[in-house]
PDB file of N, CA and C in Angstrom:
ATOM      1  N   MET A   1       0.911  -1.084   0.005  1.00  0.00           N
ATOM      2  CA  MET A   1       0.018   0.024  -0.088  1.00  0.00           C
ATOM      3  C   MET A   1       1.057   1.269  -0.091  1.00  0.00           C
ATOM      4  N   THR A   2       0.691   2.196  -0.852  1.00  0.00           N
ATOM      5  CA  THR A   2       1.492   3.397  -1.000  1.00  0.00           C
ATOM      6  C   THR A   2       0.844   4.521  -0.031  1.00  0.00           C
ATOM      7  N   THR A   3       1.712   4.962   0.777  1.00  0.00           N
ATOM      8  CA  THR A   3       1.393   6.238   1.888  1.00  0.00           C
ATOM      9  C   THR A   3       1.036   7.546   1.039  1.00  0.00           C
ATOM     10  N   HIS A   4       0.105   8.124   1.480  1.00  0.00           N
ATOM     11  CA  HIS A   4      -0.296   9.501   1.054  1.00  0.00           C
ATOM     12  C   HIS A   4      -0.331  10.362   2.089  1.00  0.00           C
ATOM     13  N   TYR A   5       0.269  11.620   1.967  1.00  0.00           N
ATOM     14  CA  TYR A   5       0.427  12.614   2.992  1.00  0.00           C
ATOM     15  C   TYR A   5      -0.295  13.838   2.608  1.00  0.00           C
ATOM     16  N   LYS A   6      -0.811  14.548   3.703  1.00  0.00           N
ATOM     17  CA  LYS A   6      -1.753  15.822   3.411  1.00  0.00           C
ATOM     18  C   LYS A   6      -1.555  16.501   4.541  1.00  0.00           C
ATOM     19  N   GLN A   7      -1.639  17.839   4.451  1.00  0.00           N
ATOM     20  CA  GLN A   7      -1.702  18.811   5.714  1.00  0.00           C
ATOM     21  C   GLN A   7      -2.890  18.257   6.720  1.00  0.00           C
ATOM     22  N   ALA A   8      -2.316  18.559   7.829  1.00  0.00           N
ATOM     23  CA  ALA A   8      -3.196  18.201   8.984  1.00  0.00           C
ATOM     24  C   ALA A   8      -4.203  19.298   9.134  1.00  0.00           C
ATOM     25  N   PRO A   9      -5.377  19.012   9.783  1.00  0.00           N
ATOM     26  CA  PRO A   9      -6.474  20.222   9.924  1.00  0.00           C
ATOM     27  C   PRO A   9      -6.077  21.242  10.991  1.00  0.00           C
ATOM     28  N   ASP A  10      -6.583  22.458  11.127  1.00  0.00           N
ATOM     29  CA  ASP A  10      -6.176  23.383  12.060  1.00  0.00           C
ATOM     30  C   ASP A  10      -4.832  23.868  11.895  1.00  0.00           C
ATOM     31  N   CYS A  11      -4.280  24.002  10.513  1.00  0.00           N
ATOM     32  CA  CYS A  11      -3.187  24.520  10.285  1.00  0.00           C
ATOM     33  C   CYS A  11      -3.346  25.864   9.340  1.00  0.00           C
ATOM     34  N   GLU A  12      -2.833  27.015   9.885  1.00  0.00           N
ATOM     35  CA  GLU A  12      -2.900  28.071   8.885  1.00  0.00           C
ATOM     36  C   GLU A  12      -1.537  28.373   8.425  1.00  0.00           C
ATOM     37  N   THR A  13      -1.417  28.872   7.258  1.00  0.00           N
ATOM     38  CA  THR A  13      -0.140  29.220   6.533  1.00  0.00           C
ATOM     39  C   THR A  13      -0.001  30.735   6.093  1.00  0.00           C
ATOM     40  N   VAL A  14       1.193  31.342   6.348  1.00  0.00           N
ATOM     41  CA  VAL A  14       1.388  32.512   6.109  1.00  0.00           C
ATOM     42  C   VAL A  14       2.655  32.482   5.343  1.00  0.00           C
ATOM     43  N   GLU A  15       2.948  33.214   4.044  1.00  0.00           N
ATOM     44  CA  GLU A  15       4.069  33.334   3.391  1.00  0.00           C
ATOM     45  C   GLU A  15       4.656  34.878   3.320  1.00  0.00           C
ATOM     46  N   VAL A  16       5.712  35.109   3.871  1.00  0.00           N
ATOM     47  CA  VAL A  16       6.238  36.409   3.623  1.00  0.00           C
ATOM     48  C   VAL A  16       7.995  36.311   3.255  1.00  0.00           C
ATOM     49  N   ASP A  17       7.960  37.131   2.341  1.00  0.00           N
ATOM     50  CA  ASP A  17       9.377  37.102   1.541  1.00  0.00           C
ATOM     51  C   ASP A  17      10.019  35.803   1.392  1.00  0.00           C
ATOM     52  N   GLY A  18       9.449  34.899   1.094  1.00  0.00           N
ATOM     53  CA  GLY A  18       9.884  33.374   0.634  1.00  0.00           C
ATOM     54  C   GLY A  18      10.001  32.566   1.795  1.00  0.00           C
ATOM     55  N   GLU A  19       9.722  32.909   3.059  1.00  0.00           N
ATOM     56  CA  GLU A  19       9.551  32.214   4.219  1.00  0.00           C
ATOM     57  C   GLU A  19       8.110  31.625   4.731  1.00  0.00           C
ATOM     58  N   TRP A  20       7.895  30.646   4.952  1.00  0.00           N
ATOM     59  CA  TRP A  20       6.473  30.155   5.207  1.00  0.00           C
ATOM     60  C   TRP A  20       6.429  29.851   6.831  1.00  0.00           C
ATOM     61  N   MET A  21       5.465  30.402   7.381  1.00  0.00           N
ATOM     62  CA  MET A  21       5.111  30.020   8.772  1.00  0.00           C
ATOM     63  C   MET A  21       3.857  29.346   8.854  1.00  0.00           C
ATOM     64  N   ILE A  22       3.813  28.021   9.562  1.00  0.00           N
ATOM     65  CA  ILE A  22       2.601  27.380   9.709  1.00  0.00           C
ATOM     66  C   ILE A  22       2.064  27.426  11.198  1.00  0.00           C
ATOM     67  N   LEU A  23       0.860  27.879  11.303  1.00  0.00           N
ATOM     68  CA  LEU A  23       0.360  28.040  12.666  1.00  0.00           C
ATOM     69  C   LEU A  23      -0.639  26.943  12.847  1.00  0.00           C
ATOM     70  N   HIS A  24      -0.117  26.108  14.017  1.00  0.00           N
ATOM     71  CA  HIS A  24      -1.101  24.940  14.226  1.00  0.00           C
ATOM     72  C   HIS A  24      -1.792  25.362  15.523  1.00  0.00           C
ATOM     73  N   SER A  25      -3.000  25.764  15.139  1.00  0.00           N
ATOM     74  CA  SER A  25      -4.099  26.175  16.323  1.00  0.00           C
ATOM     75  C   SER A  25      -4.291  25.305  17.504  1.00  0.00           C
ATOM     76  N   GLU A  26      -4.231  24.071  17.075  1.00  0.00           N
ATOM     77  CA  GLU A  26      -4.768  22.957  18.063  1.00  0.00           C
ATOM     78  C   GLU A  26      -3.546  22.739  19.171  1.00  0.00           C
ATOM     79  N   GLN A  27      -2.251  22.932  18.493  1.00  0.00           N
ATOM     80  CA  GLN A  27      -1.163  22.742  19.327  1.00  0.00           C
ATOM     81  C   GLN A  27      -0.420  23.944  19.862  1.00  0.00           C
ATOM     82  N   PHE A  28      -0.974  25.109  19.277  1.00  0.00           N
ATOM     83  CA  PHE A  28      -0.227  26.468  19.867  1.00  0.00           C
ATOM     84  C   PHE A  28       1.430  26.528  19.344  1.00  0.00           C
ATOM     85  N   THR A  29       1.334  26.010  18.076  1.00  0.00           N
ATOM     86  CA  THR A  29       2.833  26.081  17.620  1.00  0.00           C
ATOM     87  C   THR A  29       2.873  26.854  16.168  1.00  0.00           C
ATOM     88  N   ILE A  30       4.103  27.276  16.163  1.00  0.00           N
ATOM     89  CA  ILE A  30       4.569  28.035  14.761  1.00  0.00           C
ATOM     90  C   ILE A  30       5.812  27.366  14.417  1.00  0.00           C
ATOM     91  N   THR A  31       5.760  26.972  12.936  1.00  0.00           N
ATOM     92  CA  THR A  31       6.699  26.202  12.273  1.00  0.00           C
ATOM     93  C   THR A  31       7.123  27.024  11.187  1.00  0.00           C
ATOM     94  N   LYS A  32       8.371  27.431  11.081  1.00  0.00           N
ATOM     95  CA  LYS A  32       8.828  28.273  10.022  1.00  0.00           C
ATOM     96  C   LYS A  32       9.421  27.309   8.986  1.00  0.00           C
ATOM     97  N   LEU A  33       9.233  27.636   7.721  1.00  0.00           N
ATOM     98  CA  LEU A  33       9.982  26.737   6.638  1.00  0.00           C
ATOM     99  C   LEU A  33      10.454  27.674   5.504  1.00  0.00           C
ATOM    100  N   ASN A  34      11.721  27.387   4.944  1.00  0.00           N
ATOM    101  CA  ASN A  34      12.166  28.078   3.695  1.00  0.00           C
ATOM    102  C   ASN A  34      11.221  27.969   2.492  1.00  0.00           C
ATOM    103  N   GLU A  35      11.617  28.566   1.456  1.00  0.00           N
ATOM    104  CA  GLU A  35      11.008  28.507   0.122  1.00  0.00           C
ATOM    105  C   GLU A  35      10.533  27.178  -0.187  1.00  0.00           C
ATOM    106  N   THR A  36      11.695  26.266  -0.229  1.00  0.00           N
ATOM    107  CA  THR A  36      11.497  24.948  -0.737  1.00  0.00           C
ATOM    108  C   THR A  36      10.547  24.274   0.099  1.00  0.00           C
ATOM    109  N   GLY A  37      10.741  24.200   1.367  1.00  0.00           N
ATOM    110  CA  GLY A  37       9.878  23.768   2.536  1.00  0.00           C
ATOM    111  C   GLY A  37       8.405  24.174   2.238  1.00  0.00           C
ATOM    112  N   GLY A  38       8.170  25.534   1.845  1.00  0.00           N
ATOM    113  CA  GLY A  38       6.912  26.146   1.675  1.00  0.00           C
ATOM    114  C   GLY A  38       6.277  25.345   0.418  1.00  0.00           C
ATOM    115  N   PHE A  39       7.121  25.430  -0.744  1.00  0.00           N
ATOM    116  CA  PHE A  39       6.606  24.766  -2.048  1.00  0.00           C
ATOM    117  C   PHE A  39       6.141  23.389  -1.564  1.00  0.00           C
ATOM    118  N   CYS A  40       6.690  22.600  -1.048  1.00  0.00           N
ATOM    119  CA  CYS A  40       6.211  21.472  -0.593  1.00  0.00           C
ATOM    120  C   CYS A  40       5.002  21.415   0.197  1.00  0.00           C
ATOM    121  N   TRP A  41       5.091  21.968   1.205  1.00  0.00           N
ATOM    122  CA  TRP A  41       3.682  22.280   2.125  1.00  0.00           C
ATOM    123  C   TRP A  41       2.629  22.783   1.250  1.00  0.00           C
ATOM    124  N   SER A  42       2.663  23.596   0.376  1.00  0.00           N
ATOM    125  CA  SER A  42       1.673  23.964  -0.538  1.00  0.00           C
ATOM    126  C   SER A  42       0.899  22.965  -1.434  1.00  0.00           C
ATOM    127  N   LEU A  43       1.928  22.086  -1.788  1.00  0.00           N
ATOM    128  CA  LEU A  43       1.352  20.850  -2.369  1.00  0.00           C
ATOM    129  C   LEU A  43       0.506  19.843  -1.703  1.00  0.00           C
ATOM    130  N   LEU A  44       0.836  19.778  -0.543  1.00  0.00           N
ATOM    131  CA  LEU A  44       0.319  18.881   0.573  1.00  0.00           C
ATOM    132  C   LEU A  44      -1.354  19.346   0.952  1.00  0.00           C
ATOM    133  N   LYS A  45      -1.709  20.306   0.339  1.00  0.00           N
ATOM    134  CA  LYS A  45      -3.118  20.539   0.438  1.00  0.00           C
ATOM    135  C   LYS A  45      -4.058  19.358  -0.011  1.00  0.00           C
ATOM    136  N   GLU A  46      -3.428  18.717  -1.016  1.00  0.00           N
ATOM    137  CA  GLU A  46      -4.052  17.364  -1.520  1.00  0.00           C
ATOM    138  C   GLU A  46      -3.163  16.191  -1.235  1.00  0.00           C
ATOM    139  N   ALA A  47      -3.934  15.190  -1.034  1.00  0.00           N
ATOM    140  CA  ALA A  47      -3.275  14.030  -0.737  1.00  0.00           C
ATOM    141  C   ALA A  47      -2.121  13.604  -1.901  1.00  0.00           C
ATOM    142  N   LEU A  48      -0.795  13.322  -1.416  1.00  0.00           N
ATOM    143  CA  LEU A  48       0.283  13.159  -2.418  1.00  0.00           C
ATOM    144  C   LEU A  48       1.118  11.998  -1.817  1.00  0.00           C
ATOM    145  N   THR A  49       1.495  11.111  -2.726  1.00  0.00           N
ATOM    146  CA  THR A  49       2.562  10.203  -2.453  1.00  0.00           C
ATOM    147  C   THR A  49       3.901  10.872  -2.266  1.00  0.00           C
ATOM    148  N   ILE A  50       4.968  10.141  -1.712  1.00  0.00           N
ATOM    149  CA  ILE A  50       6.409  10.806  -1.842  1.00  0.00           C
ATOM    150  C   ILE A  50       6.803  10.789  -3.185  1.00  0.00           C
ATOM    151  N   ASP A  51       6.387   9.895  -4.073  1.00  0.00           N
ATOM    152  CA  ASP A  51       6.765   9.804  -5.517  1.00  0.00           C
ATOM    153  C   ASP A  51       6.209  11.100  -6.195  1.00  0.00           C
ATOM    154  N   GLU A  52       5.003  11.320  -6.018  1.00  0.00           N
ATOM    155  CA  GLU A  52       4.304  12.496  -6.707  1.00  0.00           C
ATOM    156  C   GLU A  52       4.931  13.698  -6.175  1.00  0.00           C
ATOM    157  N   LEU A  53       5.409  13.723  -4.810  1.00  0.00           N
ATOM    158  CA  LEU A  53       5.981  15.100  -4.339  1.00  0.00           C
ATOM    159  C   LEU A  53       7.214  15.238  -4.949  1.00  0.00           C
ATOM    160  N   VAL A  54       8.273  14.303  -5.083  1.00  0.00           N
ATOM    161  CA  VAL A  54       9.349  14.121  -5.731  1.00  0.00           C
ATOM    162  C   VAL A  54       9.390  14.603  -7.136  1.00  0.00           C
ATOM    163  N   LEU A  55       8.420  14.208  -7.755  1.00  0.00           N
ATOM    164  CA  LEU A  55       8.341  14.749  -9.224  1.00  0.00           C
ATOM    165  C   LEU A  55       8.257  16.067  -9.413  1.00  0.00           C
ATOM    166  N   SER A  56       7.058  16.384  -8.311  1.00  0.00           N
ATOM    167  CA  SER A  56       6.781  17.916  -8.505  1.00  0.00           C
ATOM    168  C   SER A  56       7.894  19.017  -8.014  1.00  0.00           C
ATOM    169  N   TYR A  57       8.635  18.390  -7.118  1.00  0.00           N
ATOM    170  CA  TYR A  57       9.771  19.076  -6.509  1.00  0.00           C
ATOM    171  C   TYR A  57      10.848  19.308  -7.593  1.00  0.00           C
ATOM    172  N   GLU A  58      11.144  18.195  -8.310  1.00  0.00           N
ATOM    173  CA  GLU A  58      12.217  18.030  -9.356  1.00  0.00           C
ATOM    174  C   GLU A  58      11.844  18.987 -10.780  1.00  0.00           C
ATOM    175  N   ASN A  59      10.577  18.950 -10.812  1.00  0.00           N
ATOM    176  CA  ASN A  59      10.024  19.789 -12.103  1.00  0.00           C
ATOM    177  C   ASN A  59      10.135  21.301 -11.713  1.00  0.00           C
ATOM    178  N   GLN A  60       9.878  21.746 -10.396  1.00  0.00           N
ATOM    179  CA  GLN A  60       9.876  23.180 -10.006  1.00  0.00           C
ATOM    180  C   GLN A  60      11.278  23.684  -9.891  1.00  0.00           C
ATOM    181  N   TYR A  61      12.124  22.766  -9.182  1.00  0.00           N
ATOM    182  CA  TYR A  61      13.580  23.306  -9.228  1.00  0.00           C
ATOM    183  C   TYR A  61      14.507  22.715 -10.037  1.00  0.00           C
ATOM    184  N   LYS A  62      14.165  22.091 -11.203  1.00  0.00           N
ATOM    185  CA  LYS A  62      14.948  21.603 -12.112  1.00  0.00           C
ATOM    186  C   LYS A  62      16.350  20.773 -11.576  1.00  0.00           C
ATOM    187  N   LYS A  63      15.734  19.836 -10.633  1.00  0.00           N
ATOM    188  CA  LYS A  63      16.707  19.066  -9.960  1.00  0.00           C
ATOM    189  C   LYS A  63      16.385  17.678 -10.172  1.00  0.00           C
ATOM    190  N   ASN A  64      17.336  16.748 -10.529  1.00  0.00           N
ATOM    191  CA  ASN A  64      16.966  15.366 -10.446  1.00  0.00           C
ATOM    192  C   ASN A  64      18.487  14.603  -9.999  1.00  0.00           C
ATOM    193  N   ASN A  65      18.288  14.190  -8.583  1.00  0.00           N
ATOM    194  CA  ASN A  65      19.201  13.452  -8.303  1.00  0.00           C
ATOM    195  C   ASN A  65      18.876  12.484  -7.110  1.00  0.00           C
ATOM    196  N   HIS A  66      19.445  11.478  -6.873  1.00  0.00           N
ATOM    197  CA  HIS A  66      19.056  10.382  -6.068  1.00  0.00           C
ATOM    198  C   HIS A  66      19.051  10.682  -4.745  1.00  0.00           C
ATOM    199  N   LYS A  67      19.333  11.751  -4.100  1.00  0.00           N
ATOM    200  CA  LYS A  67      19.111  12.079  -2.788  1.00  0.00           C
ATOM    201  C   LYS A  67      17.815  12.892  -2.579  1.00  0.00           C
ATOM    202  N   THR A  68      17.274  13.253  -3.648  1.00  0.00           N
ATOM    203  CA  THR A  68      15.976  14.028  -3.431  1.00  0.00           C
ATOM    204  C   THR A  68      14.861  13.358  -2.670  1.00  0.00           C
ATOM    205  N   LYS A  69      14.438  12.040  -2.943  1.00  0.00           N
ATOM    206  CA  LYS A  69      13.409  11.311  -2.368  1.00  0.00           C
ATOM    207  C   LYS A  69      14.016  11.342  -0.809  1.00  0.00           C
ATOM    208  N   ASN A  70      15.370  10.915  -0.516  1.00  0.00           N
ATOM    209  CA  ASN A  70      15.520  10.637   0.944  1.00  0.00           C
ATOM    210  C   ASN A  70      15.305  11.798   1.627  1.00  0.00           C
ATOM    211  N   GLU A  71      15.744  13.031   1.025  1.00  0.00           N
ATOM    212  CA  GLU A  71      15.668  14.271   1.631  1.00  0.00           C
ATOM    213  C   GLU A  71      14.240  14.589   2.095  1.00  0.00           C
ATOM    214  N   LEU A  72      13.426  14.586   1.077  1.00  0.00           N
ATOM    215  CA  LEU A  72      11.848  14.678   1.211  1.00  0.00           C
ATOM    216  C   LEU A  72      11.343  13.696   2.129  1.00  0.00           C
ATOM    217  N   GLN A  73      11.607  12.540   1.965  1.00  0.00           N
ATOM    218  CA  GLN A  73      11.014  11.739   3.113  1.00  0.00           C
ATOM    219  C   GLN A  73      11.485  12.007   4.437  1.00  0.00           C
ATOM    220  N   GLY A  74      12.667  12.446   4.670  1.00  0.00           N
ATOM    221  CA  GLY A  74      13.127  13.071   6.014  1.00  0.00           C
ATOM    222  C   GLY A  74      12.328  14.206   6.421  1.00  0.00           C
ATOM    223  N   PHE A  75      12.015  15.196   5.462  1.00  0.00           N
ATOM    224  CA  PHE A  75      11.204  16.401   5.513  1.00  0.00           C
ATOM    225  C   PHE A  75       9.889  15.904   6.060  1.00  0.00           C
ATOM    226  N   LEU A  76       9.164  15.014   5.365  1.00  0.00           N
ATOM    227  CA  LEU A  76       7.833  14.477   5.531  1.00  0.00           C
ATOM    228  C   LEU A  76       7.584  14.130   7.078  1.00  0.00           C
ATOM    229  N   SER A  77       8.727  13.260   7.418  1.00  0.00           N
ATOM    230  CA  SER A  77       9.053  12.558   8.762  1.00  0.00           C
ATOM    231  C   SER A  77       8.976  13.696   9.837  1.00  0.00           C
ATOM    232  N   GLU A  78       9.697  14.779   9.561  1.00  0.00           N
ATOM    233  CA  GLU A  78       9.649  15.798  10.481  1.00  0.00           C
ATOM    234  C   GLU A  78       8.272  16.544  10.826  1.00  0.00           C
ATOM    235  N   LEU A  79       7.784  16.682   9.531  1.00  0.00           N
ATOM    236  CA  LEU A  79       6.365  17.237   9.731  1.00  0.00           C
ATOM    237  C   LEU A  79       5.224  16.430  10.344  1.00  0.00           C
ATOM    238  N   VAL A  80       5.388  15.106  10.105  1.00  0.00           N
ATOM    239  CA  VAL A  80       4.485  14.298  10.799  1.00  0.00           C
ATOM    240  C   VAL A  80       4.725  14.046  12.211  1.00  0.00           C
ATOM    241  N   GLU A  81       6.067  14.228  12.800  1.00  0.00           N
ATOM    242  CA  GLU A  81       6.422  14.357  14.203  1.00  0.00           C
ATOM    243  C   GLU A  81       5.837  15.616  14.780  1.00  0.00           C
ATOM    244  N   CYS A  82       5.749  16.536  14.055  1.00  0.00           N
ATOM    245  CA  CYS A  82       5.328  18.073  14.365  1.00  0.00           C
ATOM    246  C   CYS A  82       3.599  17.966  14.453  1.00  0.00           C
ATOM    247  N   GLY A  83       3.222  17.078  13.715  1.00  0.00           N
ATOM    248  CA  GLY A  83       1.742  17.112  13.809  1.00  0.00           C
ATOM    249  C   GLY A  83       1.097  17.776  12.658  1.00  0.00           C
ATOM    250  N   LEU A  84       1.893  18.435  11.614  1.00  0.00           N
ATOM    251  CA  LEU A  84       1.523  19.251  10.745  1.00  0.00           C
ATOM    252  C   LEU A  84       1.227  18.551   9.524  1.00  0.00           C
ATOM    253  N   ILE A  85       1.407  17.382   9.164  1.00  0.00           N
ATOM    254  CA  ILE A  85       0.895  16.530   8.108  1.00  0.00           C
ATOM    255  C   ILE A  85       0.519  15.190   8.856  1.00  0.00           C
ATOM    256  N   GLU A  86      -0.383  14.438   7.828  1.00  0.00           N
ATOM    257  CA  GLU A  86      -0.927  13.076   8.328  1.00  0.00           C
ATOM    258  C   GLU A  86      -0.908  12.157   7.290  1.00  0.00           C
ATOM    259  N   HIS A  87      -1.037  10.836   7.355  1.00  0.00           N
ATOM    260  CA  HIS A  87      -1.149   9.918   6.357  1.00  0.00           C
ATOM    261  C   HIS A  87      -2.670   9.987   5.871  1.00  0.00           C
ATOM    262  N   ALA A  88      -2.889  10.047   4.639  1.00  0.00           N
ATOM    263  CA  ALA A  88      -4.222  10.308   4.058  1.00  0.00           C
ATOM    264  C   ALA A  88      -4.544   8.855   3.699  1.00  0.00           C
ATOM    265  N   VAL A  89      -6.041   8.597   3.425  1.00  0.00           N
ATOM    266  CA  VAL A  89      -6.357   7.334   3.101  1.00  0.00           C
ATOM    267  C   VAL A  89      -6.618   7.646   1.651  1.00  0.00           C
TER     268      VAL A  89
END
């Protein structure tokens, strides 16, 4: 079974000068992301697999290397740990 990820409910996003701030109202936290993290975050409004996210990232930033998937998997793991994204069905 392929895992899909999406933004958790109760999160509001503000983007200022290429930096993204995610406000999680239920946990009373603010998480700051850079432009790349913000791009990935914006895609997760809809449920995506890691492979779909990698493809979008590589198309956006014109990068294609073997580390991208591992780096994005680590990023997603951190967001899951912070309660900002969840596994979608």
